[in-house]
C-alpha cells in the first residue's frame, strides 16, 4: 500500500487524471455536485428500486481539458465545505466505462456465512480501508476485478491511500465470499468509528490508523464477551479500556 500520498484536500491535476475513473457515492456527495457530469450508475439489478444507493462512475478520460479544470475546482469547493473530497475512490483501469460499471455493480453484493447475501459498501472509504486490511489476497483480487489501482480518501487520518491489484489469478466465483471473522469485524466498525471519533483529540498522530482501529476492535470484542450489549455501553467500555488501559466497566446508569 502506498503511503506517499497527499492529504485529502490536496488532490492535484496530475494525481486525479492518473486515473481513468472516479467513483462518487450519492450518499456522501449531493447530486448537485455531479448530476451534470457524464456519470454512469453501477449496474446492479438488485438495487434498481433504490437508485439513491447506487454509486456513480465518472469516466475521467471523457472530459475535455476545461472540464477537467472545472472538476478540480468543484472538488476543491466541496473539500472546503465538507472537509472531504467529492470522490469516494479513483480507479485506474483499461476497460470501457460500461465494462467497469458492470464489474463493480456485480461486486455490490457478497456472500456471507449461512448462504445469504449482504450489501458491500466498498464505495465508503472507511469500509474499503477495512477490506484492504482484512481480506486475503485472493479476495482482494476478486474485489478489484478490472481495476489496476484503487486510490481512496481515508477520512479518519485525512490522507489519500492507494493499493495496487494483487497478483493471484481471479476466482471464477460469481460473488465474493466473506468469512465469519471478516463479517464480524465489518459489522463492528460503526461502533469502532464512534469510539475513534470520541478519542480523536487523544489520538497519537504517530500511530498507524490500522493499529488503533484493531486495538479498539479488540476492546469491543472483550466488551461483548463480558455481556455488554447496548451500543452506548459498548462505546463506554471501549473508551475506558483505551483511555485507562483496563477493561472494567461500571454499571450503566
C-alpha atoms as a PDB file:
ATOM      1  CA  UNK A   1       0.000   0.000   0.000  1.00  0.00           C
ATOM      2  CA  UNK A   2       1.354   3.415  -0.933  1.00  0.00           C
ATOM      3  CA  UNK A   3       1.717   5.968   1.875  1.00  0.00           C
ATOM      4  CA  UNK A   4       3.429   8.787  -0.064  1.00  0.00           C
ATOM      5  CA  UNK A   5       0.149  10.468  -0.946  1.00  0.00           C
ATOM      6  CA  UNK A   6      -1.337  13.914  -0.285  1.00  0.00           C
ATOM      7  CA  UNK A   7      -3.861  14.932   2.314  1.00  0.00           C
ATOM      8  CA  UNK A   8      -7.449  14.546   1.135  1.00  0.00           C
ATOM      9  CA  UNK A   9      -7.776  18.285   0.477  1.00  0.00           C
ATOM     10  CA  UNK A  10      -4.702  18.499  -1.780  1.00  0.00           C
ATOM     11  CA  UNK A  11      -5.640  16.468  -4.852  1.00  0.00           C
ATOM     12  CA  UNK A  12      -3.704  17.768  -7.872  1.00  0.00           C
ATOM     13  CA  UNK A  13      -4.451  17.643 -11.595  1.00  0.00           C
ATOM     14  CA  UNK A  14      -1.686  15.066 -12.099  1.00  0.00           C
ATOM     15  CA  UNK A  15      -2.909  12.827  -9.291  1.00  0.00           C
ATOM     16  CA  UNK A  16      -6.568  12.958 -10.317  1.00  0.00           C
ATOM     17  CA  UNK A  17      -6.031  12.324 -14.006  1.00  0.00           C
ATOM     18  CA  UNK A  18      -3.544   9.498 -13.474  1.00  0.00           C
ATOM     19  CA  UNK A  19      -6.787   7.513 -13.100  1.00  0.00           C
ATOM     20  CA  UNK A  20      -9.382   6.648 -15.723  1.00  0.00           C
ATOM     21  CA  UNK A  21     -12.397   6.699 -13.396  1.00  0.00           C
ATOM     22  CA  UNK A  22     -13.751   8.384 -10.283  1.00  0.00           C
ATOM     23  CA  UNK A  23     -16.356   6.783  -8.050  1.00  0.00           C
ATOM     24  CA  UNK A  24     -18.959   9.064  -6.471  1.00  0.00           C
ATOM     25  CA  UNK A  25     -21.249   7.977  -3.649  1.00  0.00           C
ATOM     26  CA  UNK A  26     -24.670   9.691  -3.779  1.00  0.00           C
ATOM     27  CA  UNK A  27     -24.911   9.088  -0.025  1.00  0.00           C
ATOM     28  CA  UNK A  28     -21.788  11.175   0.628  1.00  0.00           C
ATOM     29  CA  UNK A  29     -21.859  13.719  -2.209  1.00  0.00           C
ATOM     30  CA  UNK A  30     -25.064  15.635  -3.032  1.00  0.00           C
ATOM     31  CA  UNK A  31     -26.369  15.282  -6.555  1.00  0.00           C
ATOM     32  CA  UNK A  32     -25.854  18.956  -7.394  1.00  0.00           C
ATOM     33  CA  UNK A  33     -22.122  18.235  -7.409  1.00  0.00           C
ATOM     34  CA  UNK A  34     -22.274  15.524 -10.070  1.00  0.00           C
ATOM     35  CA  UNK A  35     -25.657  15.280 -11.826  1.00  0.00           C
ATOM     36  CA  UNK A  36     -24.436  17.382 -14.785  1.00  0.00           C
ATOM     37  CA  UNK A  37     -21.354  15.190 -15.268  1.00  0.00           C
ATOM     38  CA  UNK A  38     -21.279  12.175 -17.672  1.00  0.00           C
ATOM     39  CA  UNK A  39     -21.702   9.664 -14.841  1.00  0.00           C
ATOM     40  CA  UNK A  40     -22.844   6.060 -15.211  1.00  0.00           C
ATOM     41  CA  UNK A  41     -24.590   4.261 -12.330  1.00  0.00           C
ATOM     42  CA  UNK A  42     -23.035   0.946 -11.358  1.00  0.00           C
ATOM     43  CA  UNK A  43     -25.037  -1.842 -12.952  1.00  0.00           C
ATOM     44  CA  UNK A  44     -26.618  -3.691 -10.044  1.00  0.00           C
ATOM     45  CA  UNK A  45     -30.060  -5.058 -10.884  1.00  0.00           C
ATOM     46  CA  UNK A  46     -30.772  -5.785  -7.216  1.00  0.00           C
ATOM     47  CA  UNK A  47     -30.698  -2.040  -6.498  1.00  0.00           C
ATOM     48  CA  UNK A  48     -32.977  -0.993  -9.363  1.00  0.00           C
ATOM     49  CA  UNK A  49     -35.644   0.136  -6.917  1.00  0.00           C
ATOM     50  CA  UNK A  50     -33.146   2.075  -4.771  1.00  0.00           C
ATOM     51  CA  UNK A  51     -31.146   4.213  -7.215  1.00  0.00           C
ATOM     52  CA  UNK A  52     -30.159   6.643  -4.438  1.00  0.00           C
ATOM     53  CA  UNK A  53     -27.885   3.906  -3.014  1.00  0.00           C
ATOM     54  CA  UNK A  54     -26.023   3.169  -6.251  1.00  0.00           C
ATOM     55  CA  UNK A  55     -22.554   4.735  -6.697  1.00  0.00           C
ATOM     56  CA  UNK A  56     -21.906   6.761  -9.832  1.00  0.00           C
ATOM     57  CA  UNK A  57     -18.930   6.091 -12.110  1.00  0.00           C
ATOM     58  CA  UNK A  58     -17.317   9.112 -13.764  1.00  0.00           C
ATOM     59  CA  UNK A  59     -15.107   8.320 -16.820  1.00  0.00           C
ATOM     60  CA  UNK A  60     -12.384  10.944 -16.395  1.00  0.00           C
ATOM     61  CA  UNK A  61     -10.884  10.267 -19.816  1.00  0.00           C
ATOM     62  CA  UNK A  62     -14.073  11.505 -21.470  1.00  0.00           C
ATOM     63  CA  UNK A  63     -13.662  15.009 -20.030  1.00  0.00           C
ATOM     64  CA  UNK A  64     -12.089  17.774 -22.057  1.00  0.00           C
ATOM     65  CA  UNK A  65      -9.327  19.989 -20.713  1.00  0.00           C
ATOM     66  CA  UNK A  66     -11.626  22.768 -19.480  1.00  0.00           C
ATOM     67  CA  UNK A  67     -13.994  20.239 -17.933  1.00  0.00           C
ATOM     68  CA  UNK A  68     -11.094  18.673 -16.050  1.00  0.00           C
ATOM     69  CA  UNK A  69     -10.057  22.024 -14.615  1.00  0.00           C
ATOM     70  CA  UNK A  70     -13.666  22.731 -13.619  1.00  0.00           C
ATOM     71  CA  UNK A  71     -13.877  19.325 -11.928  1.00  0.00           C
ATOM     72  CA  UNK A  72     -10.797  20.107  -9.841  1.00  0.00           C
ATOM     73  CA  UNK A  73     -12.336  23.432  -8.809  1.00  0.00           C
ATOM     74  CA  UNK A  74     -15.603  21.689  -7.962  1.00  0.00           C
ATOM     75  CA  UNK A  75     -13.777  19.124  -5.821  1.00  0.00           C
ATOM     76  CA  UNK A  76     -11.809  21.869  -4.046  1.00  0.00           C
ATOM     77  CA  UNK A  77     -15.040  23.702  -3.221  1.00  0.00           C
ATOM     78  CA  UNK A  78     -16.573  20.503  -1.870  1.00  0.00           C
ATOM     79  CA  UNK A  79     -13.493  19.917   0.296  1.00  0.00           C
ATOM     80  CA  UNK A  80     -13.699  23.418   1.730  1.00  0.00           C
ATOM     81  CA  UNK A  81     -17.387  22.990   2.555  1.00  0.00           C
ATOM     82  CA  UNK A  82     -17.317  19.434   3.935  1.00  0.00           C
ATOM     83  CA  UNK A  83     -13.705  18.575   4.720  1.00  0.00           C
ATOM     84  CA  UNK A  84     -13.947  15.629   2.311  1.00  0.00           C
ATOM     85  CA  UNK A  85     -13.406  15.193  -1.446  1.00  0.00           C
ATOM     86  CA  UNK A  86     -16.403  14.585  -3.680  1.00  0.00           C
ATOM     87  CA  UNK A  87     -14.893  11.284  -4.846  1.00  0.00           C
ATOM     88  CA  UNK A  88     -15.103   8.038  -2.889  1.00  0.00           C
ATOM     89  CA  UNK A  89     -12.370   6.438  -4.978  1.00  0.00           C
ATOM     90  CA  UNK A  90     -10.175   6.958  -8.018  1.00  0.00           C
ATOM     91  CA  UNK A  91      -9.661   3.906 -10.219  1.00  0.00           C
ATOM     92  CA  UNK A  92      -7.018   3.061 -12.833  1.00  0.00           C
ATOM     93  CA  UNK A  93      -8.145   0.571 -15.480  1.00  0.00           C
ATOM     94  CA  UNK A  94      -8.012  -0.114 -19.202  1.00  0.00           C
ATOM     95  CA  UNK A  95     -11.612  -1.314 -19.614  1.00  0.00           C
ATOM     96  CA  UNK A  96     -14.533   0.646 -21.043  1.00  0.00           C
ATOM     97  CA  UNK A  97     -16.881   2.631 -18.773  1.00  0.00           C
ATOM     98  CA  UNK A  98     -19.680   0.140 -19.439  1.00  0.00           C
ATOM     99  CA  UNK A  99     -17.475  -2.826 -18.507  1.00  0.00           C
ATOM    100  CA  UNK A 100     -16.316  -1.081 -15.330  1.00  0.00           C
ATOM    101  CA  UNK A 101     -19.883  -0.186 -14.288  1.00  0.00           C
ATOM    102  CA  UNK A 102     -20.920  -3.810 -14.808  1.00  0.00           C
ATOM    103  CA  UNK A 103     -17.946  -5.287 -12.959  1.00  0.00           C
ATOM    104  CA  UNK A 104     -18.297  -3.038  -9.916  1.00  0.00           C
ATOM    105  CA  UNK A 105     -22.077  -3.431  -9.877  1.00  0.00           C
ATOM    106  CA  UNK A 106     -21.673  -7.198  -9.534  1.00  0.00           C
ATOM    107  CA  UNK A 107     -19.443  -6.645  -6.508  1.00  0.00           C
ATOM    108  CA  UNK A 108     -22.022  -4.642  -4.559  1.00  0.00           C
ATOM    109  CA  UNK A 109     -23.377  -7.880  -3.084  1.00  0.00           C
ATOM    110  CA  UNK A 110     -21.269 -10.526  -1.350  1.00  0.00           C
ATOM    111  CA  UNK A 111     -21.932 -13.985   0.033  1.00  0.00           C
ATOM    112  CA  UNK A 112     -21.920 -14.257   3.812  1.00  0.00           C
ATOM    113  CA  UNK A 113     -21.831 -17.246   6.184  1.00  0.00           C
ATOM    114  CA  UNK A 114     -25.113 -19.151   6.205  1.00  0.00           C
ATOM    115  CA  UNK A 115     -25.696 -18.775   2.479  1.00  0.00           C
ATOM    116  CA  UNK A 116     -27.145 -15.249   2.463  1.00  0.00           C
ATOM    117  CA  UNK A 117     -26.024 -12.090   0.688  1.00  0.00           C
ATOM    118  CA  UNK A 118     -25.109  -8.671   2.034  1.00  0.00           C
ATOM    119  CA  UNK A 119     -24.530  -5.206   0.597  1.00  0.00           C
ATOM    120  CA  UNK A 120     -20.805  -4.469   0.451  1.00  0.00           C
ATOM    121  CA  UNK A 121     -20.292  -0.690   0.642  1.00  0.00           C
ATOM    122  CA  UNK A 122     -16.823  -0.686  -0.902  1.00  0.00           C
ATOM    123  CA  UNK A 123     -17.561   2.855  -2.094  1.00  0.00           C
ATOM    124  CA  UNK A 124     -17.389   4.013   1.543  1.00  0.00           C
ATOM    125  CA  UNK A 125     -13.677   4.825   2.042  1.00  0.00           C
ATOM    126  CA  UNK A 126     -13.749   3.595   5.646  1.00  0.00           C
ATOM    127  CA  UNK A 127     -15.169   0.257   4.521  1.00  0.00           C
ATOM    128  CA  UNK A 128     -12.609  -0.021   1.730  1.00  0.00           C
ATOM    129  CA  UNK A 129      -9.782   0.573   4.212  1.00  0.00           C
ATOM    130  CA  UNK A 130     -11.152  -2.311   6.276  1.00  0.00           C
ATOM    131  CA  UNK A 131     -11.338  -4.523   3.196  1.00  0.00           C
ATOM    132  CA  UNK A 132      -7.753  -3.651   2.252  1.00  0.00           C
ATOM    133  CA  UNK A 133      -6.610  -4.741   5.732  1.00  0.00           C
ATOM    134  CA  UNK A 134      -8.702  -7.835   6.352  1.00  0.00           C
ATOM    135  CA  UNK A 135      -9.411  -9.536   3.029  1.00  0.00           C
ATOM    136  CA  UNK A 136      -6.822 -12.034   1.856  1.00  0.00           C
ATOM    137  CA  UNK A 137      -5.003 -11.596  -1.443  1.00  0.00           C
ATOM    138  CA  UNK A 138      -7.372 -13.825  -3.425  1.00  0.00           C
ATOM    139  CA  UNK A 139     -10.415 -11.982  -2.068  1.00  0.00           C
ATOM    140  CA  UNK A 140      -8.863  -8.609  -2.894  1.00  0.00           C
ATOM    141  CA  UNK A 141      -8.050  -9.798  -6.404  1.00  0.00           C
ATOM    142  CA  UNK A 142     -11.718 -10.689  -6.911  1.00  0.00           C
ATOM    143  CA  UNK A 143     -12.908  -7.379  -5.439  1.00  0.00           C
ATOM    144  CA  UNK A 144     -10.609  -5.367  -7.725  1.00  0.00           C
ATOM    145  CA  UNK A 145     -11.797  -7.117 -10.875  1.00  0.00           C
ATOM    146  CA  UNK A 146     -10.590  -4.956 -13.801  1.00  0.00           C
ATOM    147  CA  UNK A 147      -9.192  -2.208 -11.523  1.00  0.00           C
ATOM    148  CA  UNK A 148      -5.371  -1.953 -11.591  1.00  0.00           C
ATOM    149  CA  UNK A 149      -5.002   0.623  -8.831  1.00  0.00           C
ATOM    150  CA  UNK A 150      -7.547   1.771  -6.237  1.00  0.00           C
ATOM    151  CA  UNK A 151      -6.992   5.159  -4.583  1.00  0.00           C
ATOM    152  CA  UNK A 152      -9.312   6.364  -1.835  1.00  0.00           C
ATOM    153  CA  UNK A 153      -9.569   9.181   0.736  1.00  0.00           C
ATOM    154  CA  UNK A 154      -9.376   7.893   4.304  1.00  0.00           C
ATOM    155  CA  UNK A 155     -11.309  10.452   6.390  1.00  0.00           C
ATOM    156  CA  UNK A 156     -10.053   9.068   9.708  1.00  0.00           C
ATOM    157  CA  UNK A 157      -6.426  10.035   9.054  1.00  0.00           C
ATOM    158  CA  UNK A 158      -7.052  12.722   6.442  1.00  0.00           C
ATOM    159  CA  UNK A 159      -4.901  11.210   3.673  1.00  0.00           C
ATOM    160  CA  UNK A 160      -5.350   9.502   0.341  1.00  0.00           C
ATOM    161  CA  UNK A 161      -4.453   5.798   0.302  1.00  0.00           C
ATOM    162  CA  UNK A 162      -3.544   3.654  -2.686  1.00  0.00           C
ATOM    163  CA  UNK A 163      -3.440  -0.075  -3.335  1.00  0.00           C
ATOM    164  CA  UNK A 164      -2.421  -1.983  -6.464  1.00  0.00           C
ATOM    165  CA  UNK A 165      -4.307  -5.066  -7.578  1.00  0.00           C
ATOM    166  CA  UNK A 166      -2.879  -8.271  -6.058  1.00  0.00           C
ATOM    167  CA  UNK A 167      -1.220 -10.860  -8.282  1.00  0.00           C
ATOM    168  CA  UNK A 168      -3.229 -14.090  -7.724  1.00  0.00           C
ATOM    169  CA  UNK A 169      -5.481 -15.187 -10.610  1.00  0.00           C
ATOM    170  CA  UNK A 170      -9.056 -14.033 -10.153  1.00  0.00           C
ATOM    171  CA  UNK A 171     -11.588 -16.556  -8.892  1.00  0.00           C
ATOM    172  CA  UNK A 172     -14.356 -17.653 -11.257  1.00  0.00           C
ATOM    173  CA  UNK A 173     -16.927 -17.307  -8.443  1.00  0.00           C
ATOM    174  CA  UNK A 174     -19.978 -15.124  -9.052  1.00  0.00           C
ATOM    175  CA  UNK A 175     -19.700 -13.329  -5.710  1.00  0.00           C
ATOM    176  CA  UNK A 176     -17.039 -12.596  -3.130  1.00  0.00           C
ATOM    177  CA  UNK A 177     -17.334 -14.846  -0.065  1.00  0.00           C
ATOM    178  CA  UNK A 178     -16.769 -13.124   3.298  1.00  0.00           C
ATOM    179  CA  UNK A 179     -15.648 -15.309   6.221  1.00  0.00           C
ATOM    180  CA  UNK A 180     -17.396 -15.184   9.617  1.00  0.00           C
ATOM    181  CA  UNK A 181     -14.440 -13.373  11.205  1.00  0.00           C
ATOM    182  CA  UNK A 182     -14.347 -10.771   8.405  1.00  0.00           C
ATOM    183  CA  UNK A 183     -18.098 -10.224   8.595  1.00  0.00           C
ATOM    184  CA  UNK A 184     -17.905  -9.724  12.355  1.00  0.00           C
ATOM    185  CA  UNK A 185     -15.164  -7.143  12.019  1.00  0.00           C
ATOM    186  CA  UNK A 186     -17.058  -5.230   9.340  1.00  0.00           C
ATOM    187  CA  UNK A 187     -20.252  -5.260  11.398  1.00  0.00           C
ATOM    188  CA  UNK A 188     -18.416  -3.894  14.456  1.00  0.00           C
ATOM    189  CA  UNK A 189     -16.896  -0.972  12.566  1.00  0.00           C
ATOM    190  CA  UNK A 190     -19.737   1.553  13.181  1.00  0.00           C
ATOM    191  CA  UNK A 191     -19.189   1.256  16.948  1.00  0.00           C
ATOM    192  CA  UNK A 192     -15.415   1.353  16.487  1.00  0.00           C
ATOM    193  CA  UNK A 193     -15.781   4.522  14.397  1.00  0.00           C
ATOM    194  CA  UNK A 194     -17.865   6.154  17.127  1.00  0.00           C
ATOM    195  CA  UNK A 195     -15.134   5.391  19.633  1.00  0.00           C
ATOM    196  CA  UNK A 196     -12.437   6.641  17.273  1.00  0.00           C
ATOM    197  CA  UNK A 197     -14.305   9.919  16.764  1.00  0.00           C
ATOM    198  CA  UNK A 198     -14.626  10.464  20.524  1.00  0.00           C
ATOM    199  CA  UNK A 199     -10.951   9.680  21.029  1.00  0.00           C
ATOM    200  CA  UNK A 200      -9.916  11.995  18.188  1.00  0.00           C
ATOM    201  CA  UNK A 201      -8.334  14.621  20.399  1.00  0.00           C
ATOM    202  CA  UNK A 202      -6.390  11.923  22.234  1.00  0.00           C
ATOM    203  CA  UNK A 203      -5.207  10.084  19.131  1.00  0.00           C
ATOM    204  CA  UNK A 204      -1.481   9.705  18.555  1.00  0.00           C
ATOM    205  CA  UNK A 205      -0.587  11.040  15.118  1.00  0.00           C
ATOM    206  CA  UNK A 206       2.397   8.671  15.022  1.00  0.00           C
ATOM    207  CA  UNK A 207       0.269   5.566  15.456  1.00  0.00           C
ATOM    208  CA  UNK A 208      -0.954   3.894  12.251  1.00  0.00           C
ATOM    209  CA  UNK A 209      -4.717   4.050  11.852  1.00  0.00           C
ATOM    210  CA  UNK A 210      -4.985   0.282  11.400  1.00  0.00           C
ATOM    211  CA  UNK A 211      -3.193  -0.391  14.687  1.00  0.00           C
ATOM    212  CA  UNK A 212      -5.524   1.887  16.609  1.00  0.00           C
ATOM    213  CA  UNK A 213      -8.681   0.518  14.979  1.00  0.00           C
ATOM    214  CA  UNK A 214      -7.697  -3.093  15.574  1.00  0.00           C
ATOM    215  CA  UNK A 215      -6.991  -2.343  19.249  1.00  0.00           C
ATOM    216  CA  UNK A 216     -10.399  -0.682  19.626  1.00  0.00           C
ATOM    217  CA  UNK A 217     -11.992  -3.670  17.909  1.00  0.00           C
ATOM    218  CA  UNK A 218     -10.272  -5.998  20.391  1.00  0.00           C
ATOM    219  CA  UNK A 219     -11.685  -3.936  23.285  1.00  0.00           C
ATOM    220  CA  UNK A 220     -15.116  -4.179  21.667  1.00  0.00           C
ATOM    221  CA  UNK A 221     -14.873  -7.968  21.366  1.00  0.00           C
ATOM    222  CA  UNK A 222     -13.903  -8.147  25.036  1.00  0.00           C
ATOM    223  CA  UNK A 223     -16.888  -5.983  25.959  1.00  0.00           C
ATOM    224  CA  UNK A 224     -19.308  -8.237  24.105  1.00  0.00           C
ATOM    225  CA  UNK A 225     -17.722 -11.332  25.623  1.00  0.00           C
ATOM    226  CA  UNK A 226     -18.341  -9.756  29.034  1.00  0.00           C
ATOM    227  CA  UNK A 227     -22.044  -9.460  28.268  1.00  0.00           C
ATOM    228  CA  UNK A 228     -22.252  -5.795  27.264  1.00  0.00           C
ATOM    229  CA  UNK A 229     -24.944  -5.375  24.587  1.00  0.00           C
ATOM    230  CA  UNK A 230     -26.184  -1.794  24.133  1.00  0.00           C
ATOM    231  CA  UNK A 231     -24.129   0.384  21.789  1.00  0.00           C
ATOM    232  CA  UNK A 232     -23.937   3.169  24.385  1.00  0.00           C
ATOM    233  CA  UNK A 233     -22.431   0.788  26.934  1.00  0.00           C
ATOM    234  CA  UNK A 234     -20.120  -0.788  24.377  1.00  0.00           C
ATOM    235  CA  UNK A 235     -18.724   2.639  23.498  1.00  0.00           C
ATOM    236  CA  UNK A 236     -18.275   3.454  27.179  1.00  0.00           C
ATOM    237  CA  UNK A 237     -16.465   0.153  27.794  1.00  0.00           C
ATOM    238  CA  UNK A 238     -14.115   0.664  24.850  1.00  0.00           C
ATOM    239  CA  UNK A 239     -13.393   4.267  25.854  1.00  0.00           C
ATOM    240  CA  UNK A 240     -12.476   3.196  29.387  1.00  0.00           C
ATOM    241  CA  UNK A 241     -10.277   0.390  28.118  1.00  0.00           C
ATOM    242  CA  UNK A 242      -8.474   2.681  25.691  1.00  0.00           C
ATOM    243  CA  UNK A 243      -8.003   5.674  27.939  1.00  0.00           C
ATOM    244  CA  UNK A 244      -7.228   3.860  31.162  1.00  0.00           C
ATOM    245  CA  UNK A 245      -5.775   0.618  29.810  1.00  0.00           C
ATOM    246  CA  UNK A 246      -8.209  -1.568  31.699  1.00  0.00           C
ATOM    247  CA  UNK A 247     -11.485  -3.194  30.752  1.00  0.00           C
ATOM    248  CA  UNK A 248     -13.627  -2.782  33.819  1.00  0.00           C
ATOM    249  CA  UNK A 249     -16.925  -1.021  33.303  1.00  0.00           C
ATOM    250  CA  UNK A 250     -19.234   0.344  35.957  1.00  0.00           C
ATOM    251  CA  UNK A 251     -22.909  -0.489  35.942  1.00  0.00           C
ATOM    252  CA  UNK A 252     -24.653   1.598  33.252  1.00  0.00           C
ATOM    253  CA  UNK A 253     -26.820   4.427  34.533  1.00  0.00           C
END
